[in-house]
Amino acid sequence: MYNIAFNRLAKPWWHPNFIYNILPARVATDEIVENLNGFIKEIIIESWKRRKMFKNSKYGNFIPVVDRLASYIEKNPDDISSEDFMNHLMTLFTAAFDTLTIVSSFALLCFGMYPEYQEKAVEEIRSVIGESPRPIALDELNKLIYLDMCLKDVMRLFPIAPFIIRRPLSDFSLGKWVIPKEAALLVSIYHVHRDERYWKCPYHFYPDHFLPDEVRKRHIFAFVPFSAGPRGCIGKTLANVVLKLFLCNVLQRYEIEADGKVPDLELRSDISLRPKYGYNCRLKKRM
């Protein structure tokens, strides 16, 4: 679906519906949408069964997001329609599934290419969690400062959305230019994150970019992996928790190896940024 969406965005001759509707991509789109809607309906049915089962007892410490939303809608039916509920779940799924996969995979690749930083991250994890793998608490994740620096530099090098598009609501001055109202404004986060004016090692994995002193010296918008302002990603806190949790579990158990360095990677972009030839790394059981 991402490939189809990007092709329709990038190919002007796909824009008119009367052309798009006769393309094979339209048939594929309808099939994918039907499958996704079926998947979301199954999630809602499972939520209903789960909430009925736990109606007179406690869930425990974890309540799925879908159950929270479904319970709210049952109590406030005029606030969100069934169609909006399905659309919200679709947004949560599509925004989290591919993004977390890509960032976590790039992180493993960077750790494999730069083993010195991998070992520093492992030392920190062991100092907080211990020598043996075990479940990790949220307050322990918050203590993993160096792992957080590593993750940020991965997202600097490989922003999940390399480009964002904005439409100015009024004319405004940007340096010596005037950007007119309603213009299509494309911002290249990828290039901002590799601007030599703000980054000591712009083309390499270098977690020290996020030492407190380095952060203070940079412009606040030199690092925007989740965009910024009112259109910024609302899931960034959850994403950071999930990614750190994943990396902790992998690094406790495996040593990652990969050939080359970041500048050797050939990248491609659709809706997101990806390596052209896959995430080529090796895992060895950590002793």
Protein backbone atom coordinates (compact mmCIF):
# COMPACT_ATOMS: atom_id res chain seq x y z
CA MET A 1 0.00 0.00 0.00
CA TYR A 2 2.90 2.36 0.78
CA ASN A 3 4.40 1.67 -2.65
CA ILE A 4 1.08 2.34 -4.39
CA ALA A 5 0.47 5.53 -2.38
CA PHE A 6 3.96 6.84 -3.14
CA ASN A 7 3.65 6.04 -6.85
CA ARG A 8 0.37 7.90 -7.03
CA LEU A 9 1.98 10.85 -5.25
CA ALA A 10 5.07 10.88 -7.47
CA LYS A 11 3.48 10.16 -10.88
CA PRO A 12 1.26 13.03 -12.09
CA TRP A 13 -0.42 10.80 -14.69
CA TRP A 14 -1.78 8.67 -11.81
CA HIS A 15 -3.48 11.69 -10.22
CA PRO A 16 -6.73 11.82 -12.25
CA ASN A 17 -9.24 9.23 -11.01
CA PHE A 18 -10.39 8.33 -14.51
CA ILE A 19 -6.85 7.13 -15.30
CA TYR A 20 -6.06 5.61 -11.91
CA ASN A 21 -9.31 3.63 -11.87
CA ILE A 22 -8.28 1.60 -14.95
CA LEU A 23 -4.78 0.76 -13.65
CA PRO A 24 -3.86 -2.59 -12.01
CA ALA A 25 -2.80 -0.52 -8.98
CA ARG A 26 -6.47 0.36 -8.36
CA VAL A 27 -7.41 -3.32 -8.18
CA ALA A 28 -4.52 -3.93 -5.77
CA THR A 29 -5.57 -0.92 -3.68
CA ASP A 30 -9.14 -2.19 -3.31
CA GLU A 31 -7.89 -5.64 -2.28
CA ILE A 32 -5.45 -4.22 0.29
CA VAL A 33 -8.09 -1.90 1.78
CA GLU A 34 -10.55 -4.78 2.03
CA ASN A 35 -7.95 -6.92 3.85
CA LEU A 36 -7.01 -4.08 6.22
CA ASN A 37 -10.66 -3.36 7.04
CA GLY A 38 -11.19 -7.05 7.77
CA PHE A 39 -8.17 -7.03 10.05
CA ILE A 40 -9.42 -3.98 11.96
CA LYS A 41 -12.91 -5.51 12.34
CA GLU A 42 -11.32 -8.65 13.85
CA ILE A 43 -9.45 -6.46 16.35
CA ILE A 44 -12.72 -4.77 17.39
CA ILE A 45 -14.49 -8.13 17.80
CA GLU A 46 -11.63 -9.47 19.94
CA SER A 47 -11.80 -6.30 22.05
CA TRP A 48 -15.52 -6.81 22.62
CA LYS A 49 -14.94 -10.43 23.72
CA ARG A 50 -12.07 -9.40 26.01
CA ARG A 51 -13.99 -6.59 27.67
CA LYS A 52 -17.03 -8.85 28.18
CA MET A 53 -14.79 -11.44 29.84
CA PHE A 54 -13.17 -8.88 32.16
CA LYS A 55 -16.34 -6.87 32.80
CA ASN A 56 -16.53 -7.72 36.49
CA SER A 57 -12.81 -8.11 37.17
CA LYS A 58 -9.60 -6.15 36.74
CA TYR A 59 -7.35 -6.32 33.67
CA GLY A 60 -4.14 -5.95 35.63
CA ASN A 61 -1.58 -3.29 34.77
CA PHE A 62 -2.10 -3.29 31.00
CA ILE A 63 -5.22 -2.28 29.08
CA PRO A 64 -4.94 -2.37 25.25
CA VAL A 65 -5.48 0.96 23.50
CA VAL A 66 -8.31 -0.50 21.42
CA ASP A 67 -10.15 -1.48 24.63
CA ARG A 68 -9.76 2.02 26.06
CA LEU A 69 -11.14 3.57 22.86
CA ALA A 70 -14.00 1.06 22.59
CA SER A 71 -15.02 1.62 26.22
CA TYR A 72 -15.00 5.39 25.72
CA ILE A 73 -17.16 5.13 22.59
CA GLU A 74 -19.71 2.91 24.33
CA LYS A 75 -20.07 5.54 27.05
CA ASN A 76 -19.99 8.50 24.62
CA PRO A 77 -21.60 7.28 21.37
CA ASP A 78 -22.14 10.81 20.05
CA ASP A 79 -18.44 11.72 20.20
CA ILE A 80 -17.00 9.17 17.74
CA SER A 81 -18.84 7.18 15.08
CA SER A 82 -18.08 3.52 14.31
CA GLU A 83 -16.48 4.59 11.04
CA ASP A 84 -14.23 7.09 12.84
CA PHE A 85 -13.30 4.41 15.36
CA MET A 86 -12.15 2.09 12.56
CA ASN A 87 -10.22 4.95 10.93
CA HIS A 88 -8.45 5.78 14.20
CA LEU A 89 -7.40 2.15 14.64
CA MET A 90 -6.20 2.04 11.03
CA THR A 91 -4.08 5.15 11.68
CA LEU A 92 -2.58 3.62 14.84
CA PHE A 93 -1.73 0.40 13.04
CA THR A 94 -0.28 1.87 9.84
CA ALA A 95 1.65 4.60 11.69
CA ALA A 96 3.28 2.16 14.13
CA PHE A 97 3.82 -1.06 12.19
CA ASP A 98 6.20 -0.03 9.40
CA THR A 99 7.87 2.83 11.27
CA LEU A 100 8.97 0.79 14.30
CA THR A 101 10.20 -2.00 12.03
CA ILE A 102 12.37 0.35 9.96
CA VAL A 103 13.91 2.31 12.86
CA SER A 104 14.70 -0.80 14.93
CA SER A 105 16.27 -2.49 11.89
CA PHE A 106 18.42 0.56 11.09
CA ALA A 107 19.47 0.68 14.76
CA LEU A 108 20.73 -2.91 14.65
CA LEU A 109 22.57 -2.14 11.43
CA CYS A 110 24.28 0.90 13.00
CA PHE A 111 25.29 -1.06 16.09
CA GLY A 112 26.77 -3.74 13.84
CA MET A 113 28.73 -1.22 11.78
CA TYR A 114 30.00 0.69 14.84
CA PRO A 115 30.73 -1.98 17.50
CA GLU A 116 32.39 0.52 19.86
CA TYR A 117 29.03 2.23 20.41
CA GLN A 118 27.25 -1.09 20.67
CA GLU A 119 29.51 -2.12 23.54
CA LYS A 120 28.93 1.17 25.39
CA ALA A 121 25.18 0.66 25.06
CA VAL A 122 25.47 -2.94 26.33
CA GLU A 123 27.55 -1.81 29.33
CA GLU A 124 24.88 0.73 30.23
CA ILE A 125 22.07 -1.85 29.89
CA ARG A 126 23.95 -4.29 32.14
CA SER A 127 24.65 -1.59 34.70
CA VAL A 128 20.91 -0.83 34.94
CA ILE A 129 19.30 -4.22 34.33
CA GLY A 130 22.02 -6.69 35.33
CA GLU A 131 24.03 -9.35 33.53
CA SER A 132 21.12 -11.71 32.79
CA PRO A 133 18.22 -10.87 30.45
CA ARG A 134 14.93 -10.20 32.23
CA PRO A 135 11.76 -8.13 31.85
CA ILE A 136 12.44 -4.38 31.91
CA ALA A 137 10.44 -1.77 33.83
CA LEU A 138 9.61 1.68 32.48
CA ASP A 139 11.64 3.48 35.15
CA GLU A 140 14.68 1.38 34.12
CA LEU A 141 14.22 2.38 30.47
CA ASN A 142 14.34 6.02 31.54
CA LYS A 143 17.79 5.43 33.05
CA LEU A 144 19.25 4.27 29.73
CA ILE A 145 20.55 7.68 28.67
CA TYR A 146 23.25 6.45 26.29
CA LEU A 147 20.86 4.05 24.53
CA ASP A 148 18.53 7.01 24.05
CA MET A 149 21.41 8.97 22.45
CA CYS A 150 22.11 6.03 20.11
CA LEU A 151 18.46 5.80 19.11
CA LYS A 152 18.28 9.53 18.40
CA ASP A 153 21.32 9.38 16.11
CA VAL A 154 19.75 6.47 14.22
CA MET A 155 16.64 8.61 13.65
CA ARG A 156 18.86 11.54 12.66
CA LEU A 157 20.53 9.48 9.93
CA PHE A 158 17.37 7.69 8.83
CA PRO A 159 14.30 9.83 9.57
CA ILE A 160 11.19 7.74 9.08
CA ALA A 161 9.70 10.49 6.92
CA PRO A 162 12.63 11.93 4.94
CA PHE A 163 10.43 14.66 3.48
CA ILE A 164 7.35 16.44 4.77
CA ILE A 165 5.04 18.78 2.88
CA ARG A 166 3.44 21.90 4.32
CA ARG A 167 1.06 24.52 2.96
CA PRO A 168 1.54 28.06 4.32
CA LEU A 169 -1.67 29.69 5.51
CA SER A 170 -0.29 33.15 4.68
CA ASP A 171 2.71 34.78 3.00
CA PHE A 172 5.82 34.72 5.18
CA SER A 173 9.48 35.69 4.89
CA LEU A 174 12.18 33.03 5.01
CA GLY A 175 15.58 34.71 4.81
CA LYS A 176 15.69 36.62 1.54
CA TRP A 177 12.65 34.79 0.11
CA VAL A 178 8.94 35.31 0.51
CA ILE A 179 6.98 32.04 0.62
CA PRO A 180 3.52 32.72 -0.85
CA LYS A 181 0.29 31.60 0.76
CA GLU A 182 -0.96 28.16 -0.34
CA ALA A 183 2.40 27.22 -1.93
CA ALA A 184 3.47 23.56 -1.70
CA LEU A 185 6.47 23.61 0.63
CA LEU A 186 8.63 20.48 0.79
CA VAL A 187 10.98 20.20 3.78
CA SER A 188 13.83 17.69 3.51
CA ILE A 189 14.34 16.39 7.06
CA TYR A 190 16.96 14.01 5.64
CA HIS A 191 19.20 16.90 4.54
CA VAL A 192 18.61 18.99 7.67
CA HIS A 193 19.78 16.01 9.75
CA ARG A 194 23.00 15.79 7.75
CA ASP A 195 23.77 19.51 7.58
CA GLU A 196 27.46 19.99 8.42
CA ARG A 197 26.68 23.26 10.22
CA TYR A 198 24.89 21.37 13.00
CA TRP A 199 26.48 17.91 13.12
CA LYS A 200 30.10 17.00 13.86
CA CYS A 201 29.95 13.67 11.96
CA PRO A 202 26.93 14.21 9.71
CA TYR A 203 27.30 11.05 7.61
CA HIS A 204 28.25 8.57 10.34
CA PHE A 205 26.54 6.99 13.33
CA TYR A 206 27.84 9.13 16.20
CA PRO A 207 25.71 9.10 19.40
CA ASP A 208 27.83 11.85 20.99
CA HIS A 209 25.85 14.27 18.81
CA PHE A 210 23.31 14.09 21.65
CA LEU A 211 25.52 14.87 24.59
CA PRO A 212 23.84 17.68 26.60
CA ASP A 213 26.45 20.29 25.61
CA GLU A 214 26.07 19.42 21.92
CA VAL A 215 22.28 19.61 22.09
CA ARG A 216 22.40 23.05 23.71
CA LYS A 217 24.55 24.41 20.86
CA ARG A 218 22.13 23.37 18.10
CA HIS A 219 19.01 25.05 16.79
CA ILE A 220 15.91 23.43 18.28
CA PHE A 221 14.67 22.40 14.82
CA ALA A 222 17.95 20.92 13.59
CA PHE A 223 16.61 17.56 14.81
CA VAL A 224 12.98 16.81 13.93
CA PRO A 225 12.57 13.03 13.39
CA PHE A 226 8.91 13.27 14.40
CA SER A 227 8.32 16.61 12.65
CA ALA A 228 7.41 19.51 14.97
CA GLY A 229 4.70 21.99 15.83
CA PRO A 230 0.96 21.25 15.67
CA ARG A 231 1.55 18.61 12.95
CA GLY A 232 4.19 16.75 14.96
CA CYS A 233 3.78 13.01 15.58
CA ILE A 234 1.57 12.33 18.59
CA GLY A 235 3.08 8.86 19.04
CA LYS A 236 6.72 9.83 19.61
CA THR A 237 6.76 9.04 23.36
CA LEU A 238 5.28 5.59 22.82
CA ALA A 239 7.62 4.97 19.87
CA ASN A 240 10.67 5.82 21.99
CA VAL A 241 9.58 3.37 24.72
CA VAL A 242 8.90 0.54 22.25
CA LEU A 243 12.21 1.04 20.39
CA LYS A 244 14.31 1.15 23.58
CA LEU A 245 12.53 -1.92 24.90
CA PHE A 246 13.22 -3.81 21.65
CA LEU A 247 16.90 -2.80 21.57
CA CYS A 248 17.37 -3.74 25.22
CA ASN A 249 16.00 -7.22 24.60
CA VAL A 250 18.16 -7.78 21.52
CA LEU A 251 21.40 -6.33 22.94
CA GLN A 252 21.06 -8.35 26.15
CA ARG A 253 20.97 -11.55 24.10
CA TYR A 254 22.89 -10.95 20.86
CA GLU A 255 26.00 -9.32 19.50
CA ILE A 256 25.32 -7.60 16.18
CA GLU A 257 27.82 -7.57 13.31
CA ALA A 258 27.59 -5.72 9.99
CA ASP A 259 30.01 -4.79 7.25
CA GLY A 260 30.89 -1.26 6.16
CA LYS A 261 29.79 2.09 7.55
CA VAL A 262 26.70 4.25 7.08
CA PRO A 263 28.06 6.14 4.00
CA ASP A 264 28.35 2.77 2.23
CA LEU A 265 24.59 2.20 2.40
CA GLU A 266 22.47 2.82 -0.70
CA LEU A 267 19.08 4.16 0.33
CA ARG A 268 15.72 4.46 -1.37
CA SER A 269 12.61 6.36 -0.38
CA ASP A 270 8.91 5.81 -0.76
CA ILE A 271 6.73 7.11 2.06
CA SER A 272 9.61 6.14 4.35
CA LEU A 273 13.39 5.75 4.04
CA ARG A 274 14.76 2.22 3.49
CA PRO A 275 18.04 0.51 2.52
CA LYS A 276 18.11 -0.47 -1.13
CA TYR A 277 19.50 -3.95 -0.47
CA GLY A 278 18.04 -4.81 2.94
CA TYR A 279 19.36 -4.79 6.50
CA ASN A 280 22.42 -7.00 6.11
CA CYS A 281 23.65 -7.86 9.59
CA ARG A 282 24.55 -10.96 11.58
CA LEU A 283 23.51 -11.97 15.10
CA LYS A 284 25.75 -13.92 17.47
CA LYS A 285 24.56 -15.18 20.84
CA ARG A 286 26.05 -12.89 23.46
CA MET A 287 28.16 -14.64 26.08
